[in-house]
Amino acid sequence: MERPQPDSMPQDLSEALKEATKEVHIQAENAEFMKNFQKGQVSREGFKLVMASLYHIYTALEEEIERNKQNPVYAPLYFPEELHRRAALEQDMAFWYGPHWQEIIPCTPATQHYVKRLHEVGRTHPELLVAHAYTRYLGDLSGGQVLKKIAQKAMALPSSGEGLAFFTFPNIDSPTKFKQLYRARMNTLEMTPEVKHRVTEEAKTAFLLNIELFEELQVMLTEEHKDQSPSQMASLRQRPASLVQDTAPAETPRGKPQISTSSS
């Protein structure tokens, strides 16, 4: 049978998510864009693009979290003061794009695809928001400080942290302890084995959406170096998002995800 038996998955949701996403997590880290970033090979234009995408993604995610903050399928994970990134990203947008940033920041096809999925989940299957919050926020807490230092050095940014507010969590004293608390709260959510399975599949989808975004940004940056003309960039921004197929809100990919990255 395709569906796992109740005892074929770790009992704790946090462990089930970690186990289910192990492979796709590695593939996301090995996307060319992320490998270059970790080597310090990050341009201002590339960084501006990824930060703009994050602004759109977190705006959608946090709109849906606010919609469901009292819903028992999500409520134990509601930590707006500690985790929410939209306000920090608004500061970063003003730094990178200027005072009229709302009128000019890009929203690429892969970003639109990611945003669409977040709204579908929040409105129709809010229990799956857990997967997206887990993927984004715990990832930010785990690797955010390292990426912040790399970006600061690579682009000679101010030591005061301007342009990098996204990576700073002023209301979390210890990321390690907070992640332990967050996982403990996740494990209090009541889920049937079938719902837990759908949540773990949605977490894989979340990683796939991130990989799709990284691949698109890498293509845009590569092509921009070849041809800086506006028409070239316009054609790239019309590139259809293809890595993750649109799924109906009640469905998530089954089986092992198939990903095309430079490392796989």
C-alpha atoms as a PDB file:
ATOM      1  CA  MET A   1       0.000   0.000   0.000  1.00  0.00           C
ATOM      2  CA  GLU A   2       1.185   3.525  -0.733  1.00  0.00           C
ATOM      3  CA  ARG A   3      -0.008   4.975   2.548  1.00  0.00           C
ATOM      4  CA  PRO A   4       2.180   4.183   5.538  1.00  0.00           C
ATOM      5  CA  GLN A   5       0.841   2.154   8.421  1.00  0.00           C
ATOM      6  CA  PRO A   6       0.472   4.127  11.670  1.00  0.00           C
ATOM      7  CA  ASP A   7       3.576   2.550  13.183  1.00  0.00           C
ATOM      8  CA  SER A   8       5.783   3.096  10.124  1.00  0.00           C
ATOM      9  CA  MET A   9       6.425   6.745  11.019  1.00  0.00           C
ATOM     10  CA  PRO A  10       8.064   8.234  14.139  1.00  0.00           C
ATOM     11  CA  GLN A  11       5.451   9.001  16.773  1.00  0.00           C
ATOM     12  CA  ASP A  12       6.554  12.602  17.348  1.00  0.00           C
ATOM     13  CA  LEU A  13       5.630  14.954  14.522  1.00  0.00           C
ATOM     14  CA  SER A  14       8.943  16.809  14.804  1.00  0.00           C
ATOM     15  CA  GLU A  15      10.883  13.571  14.290  1.00  0.00           C
ATOM     16  CA  ALA A  16       8.590  12.478  11.476  1.00  0.00           C
ATOM     17  CA  LEU A  17       9.183  15.782   9.651  1.00  0.00           C
ATOM     18  CA  LYS A  18      12.936  15.625  10.155  1.00  0.00           C
ATOM     19  CA  GLU A  19      13.074  12.065   8.836  1.00  0.00           C
ATOM     20  CA  ALA A  20      10.733  12.673   5.886  1.00  0.00           C
ATOM     21  CA  THR A  21      12.589  15.758   4.654  1.00  0.00           C
ATOM     22  CA  LYS A  22      16.161  14.548   5.158  1.00  0.00           C
ATOM     23  CA  GLU A  23      16.839  13.846   1.477  1.00  0.00           C
ATOM     24  CA  VAL A  24      15.088  16.890   0.018  1.00  0.00           C
ATOM     25  CA  HIS A  25      16.737  19.105   2.654  1.00  0.00           C
ATOM     26  CA  ILE A  26      20.175  18.032   1.428  1.00  0.00           C
ATOM     27  CA  GLN A  27      19.136  18.666  -2.161  1.00  0.00           C
ATOM     28  CA  ALA A  28      17.953  22.179  -1.273  1.00  0.00           C
ATOM     29  CA  GLU A  29      21.287  22.948   0.382  1.00  0.00           C
ATOM     30  CA  ASN A  30      23.077  21.664  -2.726  1.00  0.00           C
ATOM     31  CA  ALA A  31      21.167  23.862  -5.163  1.00  0.00           C
ATOM     32  CA  GLU A  32      23.728  25.893  -7.115  1.00  0.00           C
ATOM     33  CA  PHE A  33      22.430  29.220  -5.815  1.00  0.00           C
ATOM     34  CA  MET A  34      22.821  28.091  -2.188  1.00  0.00           C
ATOM     35  CA  LYS A  35      26.219  26.498  -2.744  1.00  0.00           C
ATOM     36  CA  ASN A  36      27.478  29.744  -4.272  1.00  0.00           C
ATOM     37  CA  PHE A  37      25.995  31.723  -1.392  1.00  0.00           C
ATOM     38  CA  GLN A  38      27.735  29.527   1.181  1.00  0.00           C
ATOM     39  CA  LYS A  39      31.033  30.114  -0.644  1.00  0.00           C
ATOM     40  CA  GLY A  40      30.516  33.859  -0.364  1.00  0.00           C
ATOM     41  CA  GLN A  41      29.761  34.152  -4.072  1.00  0.00           C
ATOM     42  CA  VAL A  42      26.741  36.406  -3.715  1.00  0.00           C
ATOM     43  CA  SER A  43      26.154  39.602  -5.682  1.00  0.00           C
ATOM     44  CA  ARG A  44      24.046  42.516  -4.570  1.00  0.00           C
ATOM     45  CA  GLU A  45      21.624  41.881  -7.426  1.00  0.00           C
ATOM     46  CA  GLY A  46      21.268  38.206  -6.498  1.00  0.00           C
ATOM     47  CA  PHE A  47      20.778  39.034  -2.843  1.00  0.00           C
ATOM     48  CA  LYS A  48      18.165  41.688  -3.641  1.00  0.00           C
ATOM     49  CA  LEU A  49      16.234  39.164  -5.727  1.00  0.00           C
ATOM     50  CA  VAL A  50      16.185  36.491  -3.040  1.00  0.00           C
ATOM     51  CA  MET A  51      15.230  38.982  -0.336  1.00  0.00           C
ATOM     52  CA  ALA A  52      12.344  40.294  -2.448  1.00  0.00           C
ATOM     53  CA  SER A  53      11.121  36.716  -2.912  1.00  0.00           C
ATOM     54  CA  LEU A  54      11.341  36.124   0.832  1.00  0.00           C
ATOM     55  CA  TYR A  55       9.280  39.247   1.457  1.00  0.00           C
ATOM     56  CA  HIS A  56       6.446  37.916  -0.717  1.00  0.00           C
ATOM     57  CA  ILE A  57       6.700  34.413   0.776  1.00  0.00           C
ATOM     58  CA  TYR A  58       6.636  35.538   4.406  1.00  0.00           C
ATOM     59  CA  THR A  59       3.839  38.018   3.741  1.00  0.00           C
ATOM     60  CA  ALA A  60       1.686  35.149   2.440  1.00  0.00           C
ATOM     61  CA  LEU A  61       2.745  32.720   5.172  1.00  0.00           C
ATOM     62  CA  GLU A  62       2.076  35.184   7.974  1.00  0.00           C
ATOM     63  CA  GLU A  63      -1.262  36.289   6.518  1.00  0.00           C
ATOM     64  CA  GLU A  64      -2.372  32.648   6.656  1.00  0.00           C
ATOM     65  CA  ILE A  65      -0.919  32.167  10.148  1.00  0.00           C
ATOM     66  CA  GLU A  66      -2.906  35.193  11.359  1.00  0.00           C
ATOM     67  CA  ARG A  67      -6.007  33.730   9.733  1.00  0.00           C
ATOM     68  CA  ASN A  68      -5.496  30.482  11.661  1.00  0.00           C
ATOM     69  CA  LYS A  69      -3.883  31.670  14.899  1.00  0.00           C
ATOM     70  CA  GLN A  70      -6.810  30.436  16.995  1.00  0.00           C
ATOM     71  CA  ASN A  71      -7.341  27.239  15.034  1.00  0.00           C
ATOM     72  CA  PRO A  72      -6.264  24.278  17.206  1.00  0.00           C
ATOM     73  CA  VAL A  73      -4.487  22.708  14.219  1.00  0.00           C
ATOM     74  CA  TYR A  74      -1.971  25.582  14.357  1.00  0.00           C
ATOM     75  CA  ALA A  75      -2.498  27.668  17.531  1.00  0.00           C
ATOM     76  CA  PRO A  76       0.266  26.060  19.691  1.00  0.00           C
ATOM     77  CA  LEU A  77       2.836  27.244  17.116  1.00  0.00           C
ATOM     78  CA  TYR A  78       1.749  30.890  17.097  1.00  0.00           C
ATOM     79  CA  PHE A  79       4.851  32.906  18.064  1.00  0.00           C
ATOM     80  CA  PRO A  80       4.476  36.228  16.207  1.00  0.00           C
ATOM     81  CA  GLU A  81       6.824  38.268  18.424  1.00  0.00           C
ATOM     82  CA  GLU A  82       9.584  35.695  18.266  1.00  0.00           C
ATOM     83  CA  LEU A  83       9.342  34.423  14.690  1.00  0.00           C
ATOM     84  CA  HIS A  84       7.421  36.579  12.258  1.00  0.00           C
ATOM     85  CA  ARG A  85       9.631  38.088   9.548  1.00  0.00           C
ATOM     86  CA  ARG A  86       7.438  40.460   7.559  1.00  0.00           C
ATOM     87  CA  ALA A  87       8.317  43.609   9.530  1.00  0.00           C
ATOM     88  CA  ALA A  88      12.039  42.803   9.350  1.00  0.00           C
ATOM     89  CA  LEU A  89      11.786  42.181   5.611  1.00  0.00           C
ATOM     90  CA  GLU A  90      10.038  45.522   5.137  1.00  0.00           C
ATOM     91  CA  GLN A  91      13.124  47.161   6.678  1.00  0.00           C
ATOM     92  CA  ASP A  92      15.342  45.187   4.336  1.00  0.00           C
ATOM     93  CA  MET A  93      13.245  46.096   1.291  1.00  0.00           C
ATOM     94  CA  ALA A  94      13.627  49.794   2.138  1.00  0.00           C
ATOM     95  CA  PHE A  95      17.402  49.324   2.452  1.00  0.00           C
ATOM     96  CA  TRP A  96      17.803  47.438  -0.836  1.00  0.00           C
ATOM     97  CA  TYR A  97      15.130  49.031  -3.028  1.00  0.00           C
ATOM     98  CA  GLY A  98      14.635  52.488  -1.525  1.00  0.00           C
ATOM     99  CA  PRO A  99      11.600  54.309  -0.119  1.00  0.00           C
ATOM    100  CA  HIS A 100       9.319  53.304  -2.996  1.00  0.00           C
ATOM    101  CA  TRP A 101      10.211  49.609  -2.718  1.00  0.00           C
ATOM    102  CA  GLN A 102       6.592  48.441  -2.712  1.00  0.00           C
ATOM    103  CA  GLU A 103       6.186  49.710  -6.264  1.00  0.00           C
ATOM    104  CA  ILE A 104       9.321  48.152  -7.725  1.00  0.00           C
ATOM    105  CA  ILE A 105      10.263  44.885  -5.994  1.00  0.00           C
ATOM    106  CA  PRO A 106      10.044  41.878  -8.328  1.00  0.00           C
ATOM    107  CA  CYS A 107       7.869  38.823  -7.821  1.00  0.00           C
ATOM    108  CA  THR A 108       9.183  35.992  -9.989  1.00  0.00           C
ATOM    109  CA  PRO A 109       7.091  33.057 -11.286  1.00  0.00           C
ATOM    110  CA  ALA A 110       8.586  30.647  -8.733  1.00  0.00           C
ATOM    111  CA  THR A 111       7.820  33.131  -5.959  1.00  0.00           C
ATOM    112  CA  GLN A 112       4.235  33.457  -7.203  1.00  0.00           C
ATOM    113  CA  HIS A 113       3.926  29.664  -7.242  1.00  0.00           C
ATOM    114  CA  TYR A 114       5.142  29.432  -3.641  1.00  0.00           C
ATOM    115  CA  VAL A 115       2.792  32.239  -2.510  1.00  0.00           C
ATOM    116  CA  LYS A 116      -0.167  30.581  -4.242  1.00  0.00           C
ATOM    117  CA  ARG A 117       0.464  27.324  -2.414  1.00  0.00           C
ATOM    118  CA  LEU A 118       0.693  29.064   0.973  1.00  0.00           C
ATOM    119  CA  HIS A 119      -2.676  30.752   0.434  1.00  0.00           C
ATOM    120  CA  GLU A 120      -4.269  27.485  -0.741  1.00  0.00           C
ATOM    121  CA  VAL A 121      -3.056  25.691   2.364  1.00  0.00           C
ATOM    122  CA  GLY A 122      -4.027  28.433   4.797  1.00  0.00           C
ATOM    123  CA  ARG A 123      -7.533  28.753   3.417  1.00  0.00           C
ATOM    124  CA  THR A 124      -8.439  25.130   2.795  1.00  0.00           C
ATOM    125  CA  HIS A 125      -6.159  22.829   4.816  1.00  0.00           C
ATOM    126  CA  PRO A 126      -4.653  24.889   7.651  1.00  0.00           C
ATOM    127  CA  GLU A 127      -3.189  21.835   9.362  1.00  0.00           C
ATOM    128  CA  LEU A 128      -0.631  21.806   6.549  1.00  0.00           C
ATOM    129  CA  LEU A 129       0.601  25.276   7.564  1.00  0.00           C
ATOM    130  CA  VAL A 130       2.627  23.444  10.209  1.00  0.00           C
ATOM    131  CA  ALA A 131       4.821  22.014   7.451  1.00  0.00           C
ATOM    132  CA  HIS A 132       5.569  25.410   5.930  1.00  0.00           C
ATOM    133  CA  ALA A 133       6.213  27.107   9.270  1.00  0.00           C
ATOM    134  CA  TYR A 134       8.539  24.260  10.279  1.00  0.00           C
ATOM    135  CA  THR A 135      10.464  24.451   7.015  1.00  0.00           C
ATOM    136  CA  ARG A 136      10.882  28.219   7.032  1.00  0.00           C
ATOM    137  CA  TYR A 137      11.237  29.309  10.648  1.00  0.00           C
ATOM    138  CA  LEU A 138      13.369  26.462  11.977  1.00  0.00           C
ATOM    139  CA  GLY A 139      15.555  26.771   8.891  1.00  0.00           C
ATOM    140  CA  ASP A 140      15.983  30.496   9.540  1.00  0.00           C
ATOM    141  CA  LEU A 141      16.957  29.847  13.140  1.00  0.00           C
ATOM    142  CA  SER A 142      19.351  27.056  12.199  1.00  0.00           C
ATOM    143  CA  GLY A 143      21.296  28.639   9.358  1.00  0.00           C
ATOM    144  CA  GLY A 144      20.320  32.280   9.442  1.00  0.00           C
ATOM    145  CA  GLN A 145      23.237  33.600  11.471  1.00  0.00           C
ATOM    146  CA  VAL A 146      25.785  31.855   9.256  1.00  0.00           C
ATOM    147  CA  LEU A 147      24.189  33.243   6.084  1.00  0.00           C
ATOM    148  CA  LYS A 148      24.018  36.689   7.663  1.00  0.00           C
ATOM    149  CA  LYS A 149      27.768  36.708   8.309  1.00  0.00           C
ATOM    150  CA  ILE A 150      28.521  35.441   4.799  1.00  0.00           C
ATOM    151  CA  ALA A 151      26.351  38.147   3.215  1.00  0.00           C
ATOM    152  CA  GLN A 152      27.806  40.839   5.453  1.00  0.00           C
ATOM    153  CA  LYS A 153      31.345  39.941   4.457  1.00  0.00           C
ATOM    154  CA  ALA A 154      30.699  39.244   0.760  1.00  0.00           C
ATOM    155  CA  MET A 155      28.927  42.552   0.163  1.00  0.00           C
ATOM    156  CA  ALA A 156      30.769  44.669   2.736  1.00  0.00           C
ATOM    157  CA  LEU A 157      27.537  45.551   4.506  1.00  0.00           C
ATOM    158  CA  PRO A 158      27.416  47.679   7.674  1.00  0.00           C
ATOM    159  CA  SER A 159      28.319  45.866  10.892  1.00  0.00           C
ATOM    160  CA  SER A 160      25.150  47.393  12.379  1.00  0.00           C
ATOM    161  CA  GLY A 161      23.157  44.812  10.396  1.00  0.00           C
ATOM    162  CA  GLU A 162      21.371  47.138   7.979  1.00  0.00           C
ATOM    163  CA  GLY A 163      19.902  45.236   5.053  1.00  0.00           C
ATOM    164  CA  LEU A 164      19.972  41.992   7.046  1.00  0.00           C
ATOM    165  CA  ALA A 165      17.139  42.430   9.546  1.00  0.00           C
ATOM    166  CA  PHE A 166      15.548  39.231   8.225  1.00  0.00           C
ATOM    167  CA  PHE A 167      18.309  37.152   9.785  1.00  0.00           C
ATOM    168  CA  THR A 168      18.021  38.723  13.247  1.00  0.00           C
ATOM    169  CA  PHE A 169      15.615  37.405  15.898  1.00  0.00           C
ATOM    170  CA  PRO A 170      15.832  39.984  18.710  1.00  0.00           C
ATOM    171  CA  ASN A 171      13.160  38.278  20.832  1.00  0.00           C
ATOM    172  CA  ILE A 172      14.878  34.888  20.885  1.00  0.00           C
ATOM    173  CA  ASP A 173      17.763  34.649  23.355  1.00  0.00           C
ATOM    174  CA  SER A 174      18.718  31.077  22.517  1.00  0.00           C
ATOM    175  CA  PRO A 175      17.808  29.647  19.092  1.00  0.00           C
ATOM    176  CA  THR A 176      18.620  26.136  20.328  1.00  0.00           C
ATOM    177  CA  LYS A 177      16.248  26.370  23.302  1.00  0.00           C
ATOM    178  CA  PHE A 178      13.546  28.004  21.232  1.00  0.00           C
ATOM    179  CA  LYS A 179      13.725  25.250  18.618  1.00  0.00           C
ATOM    180  CA  GLN A 180      13.343  22.688  21.399  1.00  0.00           C
ATOM    181  CA  LEU A 181      10.243  24.530  22.629  1.00  0.00           C
ATOM    182  CA  TYR A 182       8.856  24.773  19.105  1.00  0.00           C
ATOM    183  CA  ARG A 183       9.335  21.053  18.447  1.00  0.00           C
ATOM    184  CA  ALA A 184       7.721  20.221  21.785  1.00  0.00           C
ATOM    185  CA  ARG A 185       4.710  22.340  20.833  1.00  0.00           C
ATOM    186  CA  MET A 186       4.551  20.606  17.443  1.00  0.00           C
ATOM    187  CA  ASN A 187       4.389  17.273  19.215  1.00  0.00           C
ATOM    188  CA  THR A 188       1.302  18.381  21.172  1.00  0.00           C
ATOM    189  CA  LEU A 189      -0.746  18.776  17.977  1.00  0.00           C
ATOM    190  CA  GLU A 190      -3.347  16.025  17.722  1.00  0.00           C
ATOM    191  CA  MET A 191      -3.141  14.325  14.335  1.00  0.00           C
ATOM    192  CA  THR A 192      -4.352  11.087  12.880  1.00  0.00           C
ATOM    193  CA  PRO A 193      -1.698   9.031  11.062  1.00  0.00           C
ATOM    194  CA  GLU A 194      -3.268  10.107   7.763  1.00  0.00           C
ATOM    195  CA  VAL A 195      -3.022  13.819   8.613  1.00  0.00           C
ATOM    196  CA  LYS A 196       0.537  13.390   9.882  1.00  0.00           C
ATOM    197  CA  HIS A 197       1.422  11.765   6.574  1.00  0.00           C
ATOM    198  CA  ARG A 198      -0.055  14.696   4.631  1.00  0.00           C
ATOM    199  CA  VAL A 199       1.868  17.166   6.802  1.00  0.00           C
ATOM    200  CA  THR A 200       5.169  15.387   6.115  1.00  0.00           C
ATOM    201  CA  GLU A 201       4.401  15.307   2.386  1.00  0.00           C
ATOM    202  CA  GLU A 202       3.628  19.039   2.495  1.00  0.00           C
ATOM    203  CA  ALA A 203       7.002  19.655   4.145  1.00  0.00           C
ATOM    204  CA  LYS A 204       8.644  17.958   1.156  1.00  0.00           C
ATOM    205  CA  THR A 205       6.608  20.240  -1.113  1.00  0.00           C
ATOM    206  CA  ALA A 206       7.852  23.250   0.858  1.00  0.00           C
ATOM    207  CA  PHE A 207      11.462  22.237   0.204  1.00  0.00           C
ATOM    208  CA  LEU A 208      10.663  21.655  -3.473  1.00  0.00           C
ATOM    209  CA  LEU A 209       9.210  25.159  -3.708  1.00  0.00           C
ATOM    210  CA  ASN A 210      12.403  26.558  -2.231  1.00  0.00           C
ATOM    211  CA  ILE A 211      14.522  24.577  -4.692  1.00  0.00           C
ATOM    212  CA  GLU A 212      12.388  25.834  -7.571  1.00  0.00           C
ATOM    213  CA  LEU A 213      13.030  29.385  -6.378  1.00  0.00           C
ATOM    214  CA  PHE A 214      16.798  28.838  -6.053  1.00  0.00           C
ATOM    215  CA  GLU A 215      16.990  27.348  -9.558  1.00  0.00           C
ATOM    216  CA  GLU A 216      15.010  30.207 -11.067  1.00  0.00           C
ATOM    217  CA  LEU A 217      17.187  32.832  -9.365  1.00  0.00           C
ATOM    218  CA  GLN A 218      20.332  31.083 -10.566  1.00  0.00           C
ATOM    219  CA  VAL A 219      19.046  31.108 -14.153  1.00  0.00           C
ATOM    220  CA  MET A 220      18.126  34.785 -13.895  1.00  0.00           C
ATOM    221  CA  LEU A 221      21.533  35.738 -12.542  1.00  0.00           C
ATOM    222  CA  THR A 222      23.401  33.630 -15.101  1.00  0.00           C
ATOM    223  CA  GLU A 223      21.423  35.092 -17.988  1.00  0.00           C
ATOM    224  CA  GLU A 224      21.768  38.603 -16.607  1.00  0.00           C
ATOM    225  CA  HIS A 225      25.532  38.309 -16.817  1.00  0.00           C
ATOM    226  CA  LYS A 226      25.188  37.276 -20.471  1.00  0.00           C
ATOM    227  CA  ASP A 227      22.675  39.915 -21.427  1.00  0.00           C
ATOM    228  CA  GLN A 228      21.704  42.795 -19.159  1.00  0.00           C
ATOM    229  CA  SER A 229      18.966  44.066 -21.484  1.00  0.00           C
ATOM    230  CA  PRO A 230      15.480  44.666 -19.994  1.00  0.00           C
ATOM    231  CA  SER A 231      13.882  42.419 -22.625  1.00  0.00           C
ATOM    232  CA  GLN A 232      16.042  39.495 -21.515  1.00  0.00           C
ATOM    233  CA  MET A 233      15.052  39.934 -17.855  1.00  0.00           C
ATOM    234  CA  ALA A 234      11.391  40.307 -18.822  1.00  0.00           C
ATOM    235  CA  SER A 235      11.457  37.014 -20.704  1.00  0.00           C
ATOM    236  CA  LEU A 236      13.049  35.268 -17.735  1.00  0.00           C
ATOM    237  CA  ARG A 237      10.391  36.553 -15.362  1.00  0.00           C
ATOM    238  CA  GLN A 238       7.759  35.025 -17.620  1.00  0.00           C
ATOM    239  CA  ARG A 239       9.441  31.599 -17.379  1.00  0.00           C
ATOM    240  CA  PRO A 240       6.796  29.121 -16.207  1.00  0.00           C
ATOM    241  CA  ALA A 241       7.327  27.561 -12.796  1.00  0.00           C
ATOM    242  CA  SER A 242       7.737  23.882 -13.576  1.00  0.00           C
ATOM    243  CA  LEU A 243       9.636  22.070 -10.844  1.00  0.00           C
ATOM    244  CA  VAL A 244       6.629  21.595  -8.576  1.00  0.00           C
ATOM    245  CA  GLN A 245       3.337  20.835 -10.271  1.00  0.00           C
ATOM    246  CA  ASP A 246       0.284  22.758  -9.039  1.00  0.00           C
ATOM    247  CA  THR A 247      -1.560  20.537  -6.614  1.00  0.00           C
ATOM    248  CA  ALA A 248      -5.122  20.689  -5.426  1.00  0.00           C
ATOM    249  CA  PRO A 249      -5.278  21.805  -1.797  1.00  0.00           C
ATOM    250  CA  ALA A 250      -6.266  18.336  -0.601  1.00  0.00           C
ATOM    251  CA  GLU A 251      -3.400  16.627  -2.401  1.00  0.00           C
ATOM    252  CA  THR A 252       0.333  16.472  -1.912  1.00  0.00           C
ATOM    253  CA  PRO A 253       3.023  14.603  -3.845  1.00  0.00           C
ATOM    254  CA  ARG A 254       3.293  10.912  -3.117  1.00  0.00           C
ATOM    255  CA  GLY A 255       6.468   8.909  -2.874  1.00  0.00           C
ATOM    256  CA  LYS A 256      10.010  10.178  -3.261  1.00  0.00           C
ATOM    257  CA  PRO A 257      10.231  13.696  -4.702  1.00  0.00           C
ATOM    258  CA  GLN A 258      11.970  14.004  -8.050  1.00  0.00           C
ATOM    259  CA  ILE A 259      14.191  17.070  -8.118  1.00  0.00           C
ATOM    260  CA  SER A 260      16.425  18.412 -10.827  1.00  0.00           C
ATOM    261  CA  THR A 261      19.315  20.298  -9.275  1.00  0.00           C
ATOM    262  CA  SER A 262      22.907  20.767 -10.207  1.00  0.00           C
ATOM    263  CA  SER A 263      23.929  18.367  -7.471  1.00  0.00           C
ATOM    264  CA  SER A 264      21.575  15.482  -8.123  1.00  0.00           C
END
